[in-house]
N, C-alpha and C. Protein backbone atom coordinates (compact mmCIF):
# COMPACT_ATOMS: atom_id res chain seq x y z
N MET A 1 2.18 -2.13 -8.69
CA MET A 1 2.47 -1.27 -7.57
C MET A 1 2.70 0.16 -8.05
N SER A 2 1.76 1.03 -7.78
CA SER A 2 1.86 2.45 -8.08
C SER A 2 2.09 3.20 -6.78
N GLY A 3 2.35 4.49 -6.86
CA GLY A 3 2.55 5.29 -5.66
C GLY A 3 1.37 5.24 -4.70
N PRO A 4 0.14 5.51 -5.17
CA PRO A 4 -1.01 5.47 -4.26
C PRO A 4 -1.22 4.08 -3.65
N PHE A 5 -1.01 3.03 -4.46
CA PHE A 5 -1.21 1.68 -3.93
C PHE A 5 -0.20 1.36 -2.84
N VAL A 6 1.07 1.69 -3.08
CA VAL A 6 2.12 1.40 -2.09
C VAL A 6 1.87 2.19 -0.81
N ALA A 7 1.43 3.44 -0.94
CA ALA A 7 1.13 4.24 0.24
C ALA A 7 0.00 3.61 1.06
N GLU A 8 -1.05 3.15 0.38
CA GLU A 8 -2.16 2.50 1.07
C GLU A 8 -1.72 1.19 1.70
N LEU A 9 -0.88 0.45 0.98
CA LEU A 9 -0.38 -0.83 1.49
C LEU A 9 0.44 -0.62 2.76
N ARG A 10 1.34 0.36 2.75
CA ARG A 10 2.17 0.64 3.93
C ARG A 10 1.30 1.07 5.11
N GLN A 11 0.29 1.89 4.85
CA GLN A 11 -0.59 2.34 5.93
C GLN A 11 -1.35 1.15 6.53
N THR A 12 -1.84 0.26 5.66
CA THR A 12 -2.58 -0.91 6.13
C THR A 12 -1.70 -1.82 6.97
N LEU A 13 -0.47 -2.06 6.51
CA LEU A 13 0.44 -2.90 7.28
C LEU A 13 0.76 -2.28 8.63
N ALA A 14 0.92 -0.96 8.67
CA ALA A 14 1.19 -0.27 9.93
C ALA A 14 0.03 -0.43 10.89
N GLU A 15 -1.19 -0.33 10.37
CA GLU A 15 -2.38 -0.50 11.22
C GLU A 15 -2.47 -1.92 11.76
N LEU A 16 -2.18 -2.89 10.92
CA LEU A 16 -2.22 -4.29 11.36
C LEU A 16 -1.13 -4.57 12.38
N ALA A 17 0.04 -3.98 12.16
CA ALA A 17 1.15 -4.18 13.10
C ALA A 17 0.80 -3.63 14.48
N GLY A 18 0.07 -2.52 14.51
CA GLY A 18 -0.25 -1.88 15.78
C GLY A 18 -1.52 -2.35 16.44
N ASP A 19 -2.29 -3.20 15.78
CA ASP A 19 -3.56 -3.68 16.32
C ASP A 19 -3.32 -4.88 17.23
N PRO A 20 -3.55 -4.76 18.52
CA PRO A 20 -3.27 -5.87 19.44
C PRO A 20 -4.15 -7.10 19.20
N GLU A 21 -5.26 -6.92 18.51
CA GLU A 21 -6.14 -8.06 18.23
C GLU A 21 -5.63 -8.91 17.07
N VAL A 22 -4.72 -8.37 16.26
CA VAL A 22 -4.19 -9.09 15.10
C VAL A 22 -2.96 -9.89 15.53
N LYS A 23 -3.03 -11.20 15.38
CA LYS A 23 -1.93 -12.06 15.79
C LYS A 23 -1.03 -12.46 14.62
N ALA A 24 -1.55 -12.45 13.40
CA ALA A 24 -0.79 -12.79 12.20
C ALA A 24 -1.53 -12.23 11.01
N VAL A 25 -0.84 -12.12 9.88
CA VAL A 25 -1.43 -11.53 8.68
C VAL A 25 -1.19 -12.43 7.47
N VAL A 26 -2.23 -12.61 6.67
CA VAL A 26 -2.12 -13.32 5.40
C VAL A 26 -2.29 -12.31 4.26
N VAL A 27 -1.35 -12.31 3.33
CA VAL A 27 -1.43 -11.45 2.15
C VAL A 27 -1.74 -12.34 0.95
N ALA A 28 -2.81 -12.03 0.24
CA ALA A 28 -3.23 -12.85 -0.90
C ALA A 28 -3.50 -11.98 -2.11
N GLY A 29 -3.34 -12.56 -3.28
CA GLY A 29 -3.69 -11.87 -4.51
C GLY A 29 -5.15 -12.07 -4.84
N ASN A 30 -5.58 -11.45 -5.92
CA ASN A 30 -6.98 -11.55 -6.34
C ASN A 30 -7.02 -11.78 -7.84
N GLY A 31 -7.28 -13.02 -8.23
CA GLY A 31 -7.35 -13.31 -9.66
C GLY A 31 -6.07 -13.93 -10.19
N LYS A 32 -5.75 -13.63 -11.43
CA LYS A 32 -4.64 -14.28 -12.14
C LYS A 32 -3.28 -13.95 -11.53
N PHE A 33 -3.14 -12.74 -10.97
CA PHE A 33 -1.85 -12.31 -10.45
C PHE A 33 -1.90 -12.13 -8.94
N PHE A 34 -0.82 -12.55 -8.28
CA PHE A 34 -0.58 -12.11 -6.90
C PHE A 34 -0.11 -10.67 -6.98
N SER A 35 0.94 -10.44 -7.75
CA SER A 35 1.40 -9.09 -8.06
C SER A 35 2.30 -9.15 -9.28
N ASN A 36 2.02 -8.28 -10.23
CA ASN A 36 2.84 -8.23 -11.44
C ASN A 36 3.98 -7.22 -11.30
N GLY A 37 4.20 -6.75 -10.06
CA GLY A 37 5.33 -5.86 -9.82
C GLY A 37 4.98 -4.39 -9.99
N LEU A 38 5.97 -3.61 -10.36
CA LEU A 38 5.79 -2.16 -10.49
C LEU A 38 4.84 -1.81 -11.63
N ASP A 39 4.05 -0.77 -11.40
CA ASP A 39 3.13 -0.26 -12.41
C ASP A 39 3.91 0.68 -13.33
N LEU A 40 4.48 0.13 -14.39
CA LEU A 40 5.35 0.92 -15.26
C LEU A 40 4.60 2.03 -15.97
N GLU A 41 3.34 1.81 -16.30
CA GLU A 41 2.55 2.86 -16.95
C GLU A 41 2.37 4.04 -16.01
N TRP A 42 2.10 3.77 -14.75
CA TRP A 42 1.97 4.85 -13.77
C TRP A 42 3.32 5.56 -13.61
N MET A 43 4.40 4.80 -13.56
CA MET A 43 5.73 5.39 -13.38
C MET A 43 6.10 6.30 -14.54
N LYS A 44 5.67 5.96 -15.76
CA LYS A 44 5.97 6.78 -16.93
C LYS A 44 5.35 8.17 -16.83
N SER A 45 4.27 8.28 -16.05
CA SER A 45 3.56 9.55 -15.96
C SER A 45 4.14 10.46 -14.88
N GLN A 46 5.17 9.99 -14.16
CA GLN A 46 5.71 10.75 -13.04
C GLN A 46 6.95 11.54 -13.45
N GLY A 47 7.14 12.66 -12.78
CA GLY A 47 8.36 13.43 -12.98
C GLY A 47 9.52 12.78 -12.23
N LYS A 48 10.70 13.31 -12.42
CA LYS A 48 11.90 12.73 -11.83
C LYS A 48 11.83 12.71 -10.31
N ALA A 49 11.40 13.82 -9.70
CA ALA A 49 11.32 13.90 -8.24
C ALA A 49 10.28 12.94 -7.69
N GLU A 50 9.13 12.87 -8.38
CA GLU A 50 8.07 11.98 -7.93
C GLU A 50 8.50 10.51 -8.04
N LEU A 51 9.21 10.19 -9.11
CA LEU A 51 9.68 8.83 -9.32
C LEU A 51 10.70 8.43 -8.25
N PHE A 52 11.59 9.36 -7.93
CA PHE A 52 12.58 9.10 -6.89
C PHE A 52 11.89 8.88 -5.54
N GLY A 53 10.89 9.69 -5.24
CA GLY A 53 10.13 9.53 -4.00
C GLY A 53 9.42 8.19 -3.94
N PHE A 54 8.90 7.75 -5.09
CA PHE A 54 8.21 6.46 -5.15
C PHE A 54 9.18 5.32 -4.87
N LEU A 55 10.37 5.38 -5.45
CA LEU A 55 11.35 4.32 -5.22
C LEU A 55 11.76 4.28 -3.75
N LEU A 56 11.87 5.43 -3.11
CA LEU A 56 12.17 5.45 -1.68
C LEU A 56 11.02 4.85 -0.87
N SER A 57 9.79 5.06 -1.36
CA SER A 57 8.64 4.46 -0.70
C SER A 57 8.67 2.93 -0.83
N ILE A 58 9.10 2.44 -1.98
CA ILE A 58 9.27 1.00 -2.16
C ILE A 58 10.29 0.46 -1.16
N SER A 59 11.41 1.18 -1.00
CA SER A 59 12.41 0.78 -0.02
C SER A 59 11.82 0.76 1.38
N GLY A 60 10.98 1.75 1.68
CA GLY A 60 10.31 1.78 2.97
C GLY A 60 9.42 0.56 3.18
N LEU A 61 8.70 0.18 2.14
CA LEU A 61 7.84 -1.01 2.22
C LEU A 61 8.67 -2.26 2.50
N LEU A 62 9.80 -2.40 1.82
CA LEU A 62 10.63 -3.58 2.03
C LEU A 62 11.19 -3.61 3.45
N LYS A 63 11.59 -2.47 3.95
CA LYS A 63 12.11 -2.40 5.32
C LYS A 63 11.02 -2.76 6.33
N GLU A 64 9.84 -2.21 6.14
CA GLU A 64 8.72 -2.48 7.05
C GLU A 64 8.29 -3.93 6.99
N THR A 65 8.44 -4.54 5.82
CA THR A 65 8.10 -5.96 5.68
C THR A 65 9.08 -6.83 6.46
N ALA A 66 10.37 -6.52 6.33
CA ALA A 66 11.39 -7.28 7.06
C ALA A 66 11.20 -7.14 8.57
N LEU A 67 10.74 -5.97 9.01
CA LEU A 67 10.57 -5.69 10.44
C LEU A 67 9.17 -6.02 10.96
N PHE A 68 8.26 -6.45 10.09
CA PHE A 68 6.86 -6.62 10.51
C PHE A 68 6.82 -7.51 11.76
N PRO A 69 6.22 -7.03 12.84
CA PRO A 69 6.39 -7.69 14.14
C PRO A 69 5.56 -8.95 14.35
N LYS A 70 4.75 -9.30 13.37
CA LYS A 70 3.88 -10.47 13.49
C LYS A 70 4.11 -11.40 12.31
N PRO A 71 3.70 -12.66 12.43
CA PRO A 71 3.86 -13.57 11.29
C PRO A 71 3.17 -13.04 10.04
N LEU A 72 3.89 -13.06 8.93
CA LEU A 72 3.39 -12.55 7.65
C LEU A 72 3.45 -13.70 6.65
N VAL A 73 2.29 -14.17 6.24
CA VAL A 73 2.19 -15.35 5.37
C VAL A 73 1.62 -14.93 4.02
N GLY A 74 2.28 -15.35 2.96
CA GLY A 74 1.81 -15.03 1.62
C GLY A 74 1.05 -16.20 1.00
N ALA A 75 -0.18 -15.94 0.59
CA ALA A 75 -0.94 -16.89 -0.22
C ALA A 75 -0.74 -16.43 -1.66
N ILE A 76 0.29 -16.97 -2.30
CA ILE A 76 0.68 -16.50 -3.63
C ILE A 76 -0.23 -17.17 -4.65
N SER A 77 -1.40 -16.55 -4.82
CA SER A 77 -2.51 -17.17 -5.54
C SER A 77 -2.46 -16.99 -7.05
N GLY A 78 -1.37 -16.44 -7.55
CA GLY A 78 -1.20 -16.26 -8.99
C GLY A 78 0.23 -15.86 -9.28
N HIS A 79 0.46 -15.28 -10.46
CA HIS A 79 1.82 -14.90 -10.84
C HIS A 79 2.40 -13.86 -9.88
N ALA A 80 3.67 -14.03 -9.55
CA ALA A 80 4.41 -13.04 -8.75
C ALA A 80 5.68 -12.70 -9.53
N PHE A 81 5.70 -11.50 -10.10
CA PHE A 81 6.82 -11.08 -10.95
C PHE A 81 7.49 -9.85 -10.36
N GLY A 82 8.77 -9.70 -10.63
CA GLY A 82 9.49 -8.48 -10.30
C GLY A 82 9.30 -8.07 -8.86
N MET A 83 8.84 -6.83 -8.65
CA MET A 83 8.70 -6.32 -7.30
C MET A 83 7.69 -7.12 -6.48
N GLY A 84 6.73 -7.73 -7.14
CA GLY A 84 5.79 -8.59 -6.42
C GLY A 84 6.51 -9.76 -5.78
N ALA A 85 7.44 -10.38 -6.53
CA ALA A 85 8.22 -11.49 -6.01
C ALA A 85 9.24 -11.02 -4.99
N ILE A 86 9.82 -9.84 -5.22
CA ILE A 86 10.79 -9.28 -4.27
C ILE A 86 10.12 -9.01 -2.93
N TRP A 87 8.98 -8.32 -2.97
CA TRP A 87 8.27 -8.02 -1.73
C TRP A 87 7.90 -9.30 -0.99
N ALA A 88 7.34 -10.28 -1.70
CA ALA A 88 6.93 -11.53 -1.06
C ALA A 88 8.11 -12.31 -0.50
N SER A 89 9.30 -12.08 -1.04
CA SER A 89 10.49 -12.76 -0.52
C SER A 89 10.77 -12.38 0.92
N GLY A 90 10.22 -11.26 1.37
CA GLY A 90 10.40 -10.82 2.74
C GLY A 90 9.37 -11.37 3.70
N PHE A 91 8.38 -12.12 3.20
CA PHE A 91 7.38 -12.72 4.09
C PHE A 91 8.01 -13.85 4.90
N ASP A 92 7.38 -14.20 6.00
CA ASP A 92 7.89 -15.30 6.82
C ASP A 92 7.62 -16.66 6.18
N VAL A 93 6.50 -16.77 5.47
CA VAL A 93 6.14 -18.02 4.79
C VAL A 93 5.48 -17.66 3.47
N ARG A 94 5.80 -18.42 2.41
CA ARG A 94 5.17 -18.23 1.11
C ARG A 94 4.56 -19.55 0.65
N ILE A 95 3.27 -19.51 0.34
CA ILE A 95 2.55 -20.69 -0.15
C ILE A 95 2.08 -20.38 -1.56
N VAL A 96 2.46 -21.21 -2.52
CA VAL A 96 2.14 -20.96 -3.92
C VAL A 96 1.01 -21.89 -4.39
N ARG A 97 0.40 -21.50 -5.50
CA ARG A 97 -0.56 -22.38 -6.15
C ARG A 97 0.18 -23.56 -6.77
N SER A 98 -0.33 -24.74 -6.56
CA SER A 98 0.30 -25.93 -7.14
C SER A 98 -0.08 -26.12 -8.60
N ASP A 99 -1.16 -25.45 -9.03
CA ASP A 99 -1.70 -25.70 -10.36
C ASP A 99 -1.61 -24.50 -11.30
N ARG A 100 -1.14 -23.36 -10.81
CA ARG A 100 -1.08 -22.18 -11.67
C ARG A 100 -0.24 -21.09 -11.03
N GLY A 101 0.45 -20.31 -11.85
CA GLY A 101 1.17 -19.15 -11.37
C GLY A 101 2.68 -19.33 -11.39
N TRP A 102 3.38 -18.35 -11.95
CA TRP A 102 4.84 -18.35 -11.99
C TRP A 102 5.39 -17.35 -10.97
N VAL A 103 6.56 -17.68 -10.46
CA VAL A 103 7.35 -16.75 -9.67
C VAL A 103 8.59 -16.44 -10.48
N CYS A 104 8.91 -15.15 -10.63
CA CYS A 104 10.02 -14.79 -11.51
C CYS A 104 10.59 -13.42 -11.14
N PHE A 105 11.92 -13.35 -11.14
CA PHE A 105 12.63 -12.07 -11.08
C PHE A 105 13.12 -11.79 -12.51
N PRO A 106 12.42 -10.96 -13.29
CA PRO A 106 12.78 -10.76 -14.70
C PRO A 106 13.80 -9.65 -14.93
N GLU A 107 14.36 -9.10 -13.86
CA GLU A 107 15.19 -7.89 -13.97
C GLU A 107 16.34 -8.02 -14.96
N MET A 108 17.00 -9.17 -15.00
CA MET A 108 18.14 -9.33 -15.90
C MET A 108 17.70 -9.30 -17.37
N ASP A 109 16.48 -9.75 -17.64
CA ASP A 109 15.98 -9.77 -19.02
C ASP A 109 15.47 -8.41 -19.47
N ILE A 110 15.07 -7.56 -18.53
CA ILE A 110 14.55 -6.25 -18.91
C ILE A 110 15.55 -5.14 -18.57
N ASN A 111 16.76 -5.54 -18.15
CA ASN A 111 17.88 -4.62 -17.94
C ASN A 111 17.60 -3.57 -16.86
N ILE A 112 16.99 -4.02 -15.76
CA ILE A 112 16.79 -3.15 -14.60
C ILE A 112 17.47 -3.81 -13.41
N PRO A 113 18.48 -3.18 -12.83
CA PRO A 113 19.20 -3.80 -11.71
C PRO A 113 18.38 -3.79 -10.42
N PHE A 114 18.70 -4.71 -9.54
CA PHE A 114 18.13 -4.71 -8.20
C PHE A 114 18.82 -3.61 -7.38
N SER A 115 18.07 -2.94 -6.55
CA SER A 115 18.69 -2.00 -5.61
C SER A 115 19.33 -2.79 -4.47
N PRO A 116 20.23 -2.16 -3.71
CA PRO A 116 20.83 -2.87 -2.57
C PRO A 116 19.78 -3.41 -1.60
N GLY A 117 18.73 -2.62 -1.36
CA GLY A 117 17.68 -3.08 -0.44
C GLY A 117 16.91 -4.27 -0.98
N MET A 118 16.66 -4.29 -2.28
CA MET A 118 15.99 -5.43 -2.89
C MET A 118 16.84 -6.69 -2.75
N ILE A 119 18.12 -6.56 -3.00
CA ILE A 119 19.03 -7.69 -2.85
C ILE A 119 19.03 -8.16 -1.40
N ALA A 120 19.11 -7.22 -0.48
CA ALA A 120 19.20 -7.57 0.94
C ALA A 120 17.97 -8.32 1.42
N ILE A 121 16.77 -7.86 1.04
CA ILE A 121 15.57 -8.54 1.54
C ILE A 121 15.39 -9.90 0.89
N CYS A 122 15.80 -10.03 -0.37
CA CYS A 122 15.70 -11.33 -1.03
C CYS A 122 16.69 -12.33 -0.44
N GLU A 123 17.89 -11.89 -0.18
CA GLU A 123 18.86 -12.77 0.48
C GLU A 123 18.41 -13.10 1.90
N HIS A 124 17.81 -12.13 2.55
CA HIS A 124 17.30 -12.32 3.91
C HIS A 124 16.22 -13.40 3.93
N GLY A 125 15.32 -13.37 2.95
CA GLY A 125 14.20 -14.32 2.95
C GLY A 125 14.47 -15.63 2.26
N LEU A 126 15.41 -15.64 1.30
CA LEU A 126 15.63 -16.83 0.47
C LEU A 126 16.98 -17.48 0.68
N GLY A 127 17.94 -16.73 1.19
CA GLY A 127 19.33 -17.20 1.22
C GLY A 127 20.03 -16.76 -0.06
N THR A 128 21.33 -16.58 0.04
CA THR A 128 22.09 -16.06 -1.09
C THR A 128 22.07 -16.99 -2.29
N THR A 129 22.23 -18.29 -2.06
CA THR A 129 22.32 -19.25 -3.17
C THR A 129 21.04 -19.27 -4.00
N THR A 130 19.89 -19.36 -3.32
CA THR A 130 18.61 -19.39 -4.03
C THR A 130 18.37 -18.09 -4.78
N PHE A 131 18.62 -16.96 -4.12
CA PHE A 131 18.36 -15.70 -4.78
C PHE A 131 19.28 -15.49 -5.98
N ARG A 132 20.54 -15.84 -5.82
CA ARG A 132 21.47 -15.68 -6.94
C ARG A 132 21.01 -16.50 -8.15
N LYS A 133 20.59 -17.72 -7.89
CA LYS A 133 20.13 -18.59 -8.98
C LYS A 133 18.91 -18.00 -9.67
N MET A 134 17.95 -17.54 -8.90
CA MET A 134 16.72 -17.00 -9.47
C MET A 134 16.95 -15.66 -10.15
N ALA A 135 17.77 -14.81 -9.53
CA ALA A 135 17.96 -13.45 -10.04
C ALA A 135 18.70 -13.43 -11.36
N PHE A 136 19.80 -14.16 -11.45
CA PHE A 136 20.62 -14.09 -12.67
C PHE A 136 20.03 -14.89 -13.82
N SER A 137 19.23 -15.91 -13.52
CA SER A 137 18.63 -16.70 -14.59
C SER A 137 17.35 -16.08 -15.13
N ALA A 138 16.65 -15.28 -14.30
CA ALA A 138 15.34 -14.73 -14.65
C ALA A 138 14.37 -15.84 -15.04
N GLN A 139 14.58 -17.02 -14.50
CA GLN A 139 13.75 -18.19 -14.83
C GLN A 139 12.40 -18.09 -14.14
N ARG A 140 11.39 -18.65 -14.79
CA ARG A 140 10.06 -18.71 -14.19
C ARG A 140 9.89 -20.05 -13.48
N TYR A 141 9.40 -19.99 -12.25
CA TYR A 141 9.19 -21.19 -11.45
C TYR A 141 7.71 -21.32 -11.14
N ALA A 142 7.13 -22.46 -11.48
CA ALA A 142 5.71 -22.69 -11.26
C ALA A 142 5.50 -23.72 -10.15
N GLY A 143 4.58 -23.42 -9.24
CA GLY A 143 4.15 -24.37 -8.24
C GLY A 143 5.24 -25.11 -7.51
N GLU A 144 5.31 -26.43 -7.75
CA GLU A 144 6.27 -27.28 -7.07
C GLU A 144 7.71 -26.84 -7.33
N ALA A 145 7.99 -26.30 -8.52
CA ALA A 145 9.34 -25.85 -8.85
C ALA A 145 9.75 -24.69 -7.95
N ALA A 146 8.80 -23.83 -7.57
CA ALA A 146 9.10 -22.73 -6.65
C ALA A 146 9.48 -23.25 -5.27
N MET A 147 8.88 -24.38 -4.90
CA MET A 147 9.27 -25.02 -3.65
C MET A 147 10.65 -25.65 -3.77
N GLU A 148 10.89 -26.31 -4.88
CA GLU A 148 12.17 -27.01 -5.05
C GLU A 148 13.35 -26.05 -5.04
N VAL A 149 13.18 -24.86 -5.63
CA VAL A 149 14.29 -23.90 -5.67
C VAL A 149 14.47 -23.19 -4.33
N GLY A 150 13.45 -23.28 -3.47
CA GLY A 150 13.55 -22.69 -2.14
C GLY A 150 12.81 -21.38 -1.96
N TRP A 151 12.02 -20.96 -2.96
CA TRP A 151 11.30 -19.70 -2.82
C TRP A 151 10.04 -19.87 -1.96
N ALA A 152 9.36 -20.99 -2.12
CA ALA A 152 8.12 -21.25 -1.38
C ALA A 152 8.33 -22.38 -0.37
N GLN A 153 7.52 -22.37 0.67
CA GLN A 153 7.58 -23.40 1.70
C GLN A 153 6.50 -24.47 1.52
N ALA A 154 5.46 -24.15 0.76
CA ALA A 154 4.36 -25.10 0.56
C ALA A 154 3.61 -24.74 -0.71
N ALA A 155 2.83 -25.69 -1.21
CA ALA A 155 1.99 -25.46 -2.40
C ALA A 155 0.59 -25.98 -2.09
N ALA A 156 -0.41 -25.32 -2.67
CA ALA A 156 -1.80 -25.72 -2.44
C ALA A 156 -2.62 -25.41 -3.69
N THR A 157 -3.77 -25.99 -3.79
CA THR A 157 -4.64 -25.76 -4.94
C THR A 157 -5.36 -24.41 -4.79
N GLU A 158 -5.99 -23.99 -5.87
CA GLU A 158 -6.76 -22.74 -5.84
C GLU A 158 -7.81 -22.78 -4.73
N GLU A 159 -8.42 -23.95 -4.55
CA GLU A 159 -9.50 -24.07 -3.57
C GLU A 159 -8.99 -24.07 -2.12
N THR A 160 -7.74 -24.45 -1.91
CA THR A 160 -7.25 -24.62 -0.54
C THR A 160 -6.15 -23.64 -0.13
N ILE A 161 -5.67 -22.79 -1.04
CA ILE A 161 -4.50 -21.98 -0.71
C ILE A 161 -4.78 -20.99 0.42
N ILE A 162 -5.95 -20.35 0.42
CA ILE A 162 -6.26 -19.40 1.49
C ILE A 162 -6.40 -20.15 2.82
N GLU A 163 -7.10 -21.24 2.79
CA GLU A 163 -7.26 -22.06 4.00
C GLU A 163 -5.91 -22.50 4.55
N THR A 164 -5.02 -22.92 3.64
CA THR A 164 -3.68 -23.37 4.05
C THR A 164 -2.89 -22.23 4.66
N ALA A 165 -2.97 -21.05 4.03
CA ALA A 165 -2.23 -19.89 4.53
C ALA A 165 -2.77 -19.43 5.89
N VAL A 166 -4.08 -19.42 6.04
CA VAL A 166 -4.69 -19.01 7.31
C VAL A 166 -4.31 -19.98 8.42
N ALA A 167 -4.29 -21.27 8.10
CA ALA A 167 -3.90 -22.27 9.11
C ALA A 167 -2.46 -22.06 9.55
N LYS A 168 -1.58 -21.76 8.59
CA LYS A 168 -0.18 -21.52 8.93
C LYS A 168 -0.04 -20.25 9.76
N ALA A 169 -0.78 -19.22 9.39
CA ALA A 169 -0.74 -17.96 10.15
C ALA A 169 -1.25 -18.18 11.57
N ALA A 170 -2.30 -18.98 11.72
CA ALA A 170 -2.84 -19.26 13.06
C ALA A 170 -1.82 -20.02 13.90
N GLU A 171 -1.11 -20.95 13.26
CA GLU A 171 -0.06 -21.71 13.97
C GLU A 171 1.05 -20.78 14.46
N LEU A 172 1.54 -19.90 13.57
CA LEU A 172 2.61 -18.99 13.95
C LEU A 172 2.13 -17.92 14.92
N GLY A 173 0.85 -17.57 14.82
CA GLY A 173 0.29 -16.54 15.70
C GLY A 173 0.24 -16.95 17.16
N LYS A 174 0.43 -18.22 17.43
CA LYS A 174 0.42 -18.72 18.81
C LYS A 174 1.79 -18.61 19.48
N LYS A 175 2.80 -18.25 18.70
CA LYS A 175 4.15 -18.14 19.25
C LYS A 175 4.27 -16.90 20.13
N GLY A 176 5.31 -16.86 20.93
CA GLY A 176 5.51 -15.73 21.82
C GLY A 176 5.66 -14.44 21.04
N ARG A 177 4.83 -13.46 21.34
CA ARG A 177 4.82 -12.23 20.54
C ARG A 177 6.12 -11.45 20.64
N ASP A 178 6.59 -11.29 21.87
CA ASP A 178 7.83 -10.52 22.04
C ASP A 178 9.01 -11.24 21.41
N ALA A 179 9.05 -12.55 21.58
CA ALA A 179 10.15 -13.33 21.00
C ALA A 179 10.14 -13.21 19.48
N PHE A 180 8.95 -13.31 18.89
CA PHE A 180 8.83 -13.23 17.44
C PHE A 180 9.22 -11.84 16.94
N ARG A 181 8.68 -10.82 17.60
CA ARG A 181 8.94 -9.43 17.18
C ARG A 181 10.42 -9.07 17.29
N LEU A 182 11.01 -9.37 18.42
CA LEU A 182 12.40 -8.98 18.63
C LEU A 182 13.36 -9.79 17.78
N THR A 183 13.06 -11.08 17.61
CA THR A 183 13.93 -11.90 16.75
C THR A 183 13.91 -11.37 15.32
N LYS A 184 12.73 -11.02 14.82
CA LYS A 184 12.65 -10.45 13.47
C LYS A 184 13.39 -9.12 13.40
N GLN A 185 13.27 -8.33 14.44
CA GLN A 185 13.95 -7.03 14.47
C GLN A 185 15.46 -7.21 14.41
N PHE A 186 15.99 -8.12 15.22
CA PHE A 186 17.43 -8.36 15.23
C PHE A 186 17.90 -8.96 13.91
N TRP A 187 17.10 -9.89 13.40
CA TRP A 187 17.45 -10.61 12.18
C TRP A 187 17.46 -9.67 10.98
N ALA A 188 16.59 -8.69 11.00
CA ALA A 188 16.43 -7.78 9.85
C ALA A 188 17.42 -6.62 9.89
N LYS A 189 18.33 -6.60 10.84
CA LYS A 189 19.21 -5.45 10.99
C LYS A 189 19.99 -5.14 9.71
N ARG A 190 20.52 -6.17 9.04
CA ARG A 190 21.29 -5.93 7.83
C ARG A 190 20.40 -5.32 6.74
N VAL A 191 19.17 -5.84 6.59
CA VAL A 191 18.25 -5.29 5.58
C VAL A 191 18.02 -3.81 5.85
N VAL A 192 17.74 -3.47 7.10
CA VAL A 192 17.47 -2.09 7.48
C VAL A 192 18.69 -1.21 7.21
N ASP A 193 19.86 -1.68 7.63
CA ASP A 193 21.08 -0.89 7.45
C ASP A 193 21.37 -0.63 5.97
N VAL A 194 21.19 -1.67 5.14
CA VAL A 194 21.46 -1.52 3.71
C VAL A 194 20.49 -0.52 3.08
N ILE A 195 19.21 -0.66 3.39
CA ILE A 195 18.22 0.25 2.81
C ILE A 195 18.49 1.69 3.25
N ASP A 196 18.76 1.88 4.54
CA ASP A 196 18.96 3.23 5.06
C ASP A 196 20.24 3.88 4.52
N SER A 197 21.27 3.09 4.30
CA SER A 197 22.56 3.67 3.94
C SER A 197 22.87 3.65 2.45
N GLN A 198 22.17 2.81 1.67
CA GLN A 198 22.58 2.63 0.28
C GLN A 198 21.51 2.89 -0.77
N ASP A 199 20.24 2.67 -0.46
CA ASP A 199 19.24 2.72 -1.52
C ASP A 199 19.11 4.09 -2.18
N ALA A 200 19.10 5.16 -1.40
CA ALA A 200 18.91 6.49 -1.99
C ALA A 200 20.01 6.80 -3.01
N ASP A 201 21.25 6.51 -2.66
CA ASP A 201 22.35 6.74 -3.60
C ASP A 201 22.26 5.83 -4.81
N ALA A 202 21.83 4.59 -4.58
CA ALA A 202 21.72 3.64 -5.69
C ALA A 202 20.67 4.09 -6.70
N TYR A 203 19.54 4.61 -6.22
CA TYR A 203 18.49 5.05 -7.14
C TYR A 203 18.94 6.21 -8.02
N LYS A 204 19.91 6.98 -7.53
CA LYS A 204 20.44 8.07 -8.35
C LYS A 204 21.32 7.56 -9.48
N GLN A 205 21.82 6.33 -9.33
CA GLN A 205 22.71 5.75 -10.34
C GLN A 205 21.98 4.88 -11.35
N ILE A 206 20.82 4.34 -10.96
CA ILE A 206 20.12 3.39 -11.81
C ILE A 206 19.39 4.14 -12.94
N PRO A 207 19.73 3.87 -14.19
CA PRO A 207 19.01 4.51 -15.31
C PRO A 207 17.68 3.79 -15.55
N LEU A 208 16.58 4.51 -15.34
CA LEU A 208 15.27 3.90 -15.54
C LEU A 208 14.76 4.26 -16.93
N LYS A 209 14.74 3.29 -17.80
CA LYS A 209 14.24 3.49 -19.16
C LYS A 209 12.87 2.84 -19.26
N LEU A 210 11.86 3.62 -19.02
CA LEU A 210 10.50 3.10 -18.96
C LEU A 210 9.81 3.25 -20.32
């Protein structure tokens, strides 16, 4: 996740959210990784102001994900690490590969703290107990183990994961639109409040050693 990529991603999600023909959205990876998280090489090339703006953009992405007015289903078709796993934690449903791919929050091992907004969206999507276990252990969970710990709701093979995710999205897309949108909006209030009130100050305190 670099600045240009996150900007394009947010714009695409906004377009999908506003398109009346779109009833649900499936997010999938391409190849070995679903998302390997932040693009540290790109971040190293940025100045302090640009880096701070990028982190605020990440917070914006997490807020928009929690508020996304339509069913958001992740086909986690490969490894999901760091910010990739954090972002996906805000999806309504996560389906992992049963035969390949780890899910991991490595922050404790690389000495980078979670921002308040990251914590809020992970607790929002996973529950406090699951997130605490995954976050502090920095353990890697593959396939069925990701389901057992509570990060994923289903597992599928490489050949069937997109089909499985699309079927789930189609099922959720039949639900009442206003009920789904407003329930997510009300439910996400704490995530939004935390990001709006705490993330900017937190980023000023976090020492980023890239």
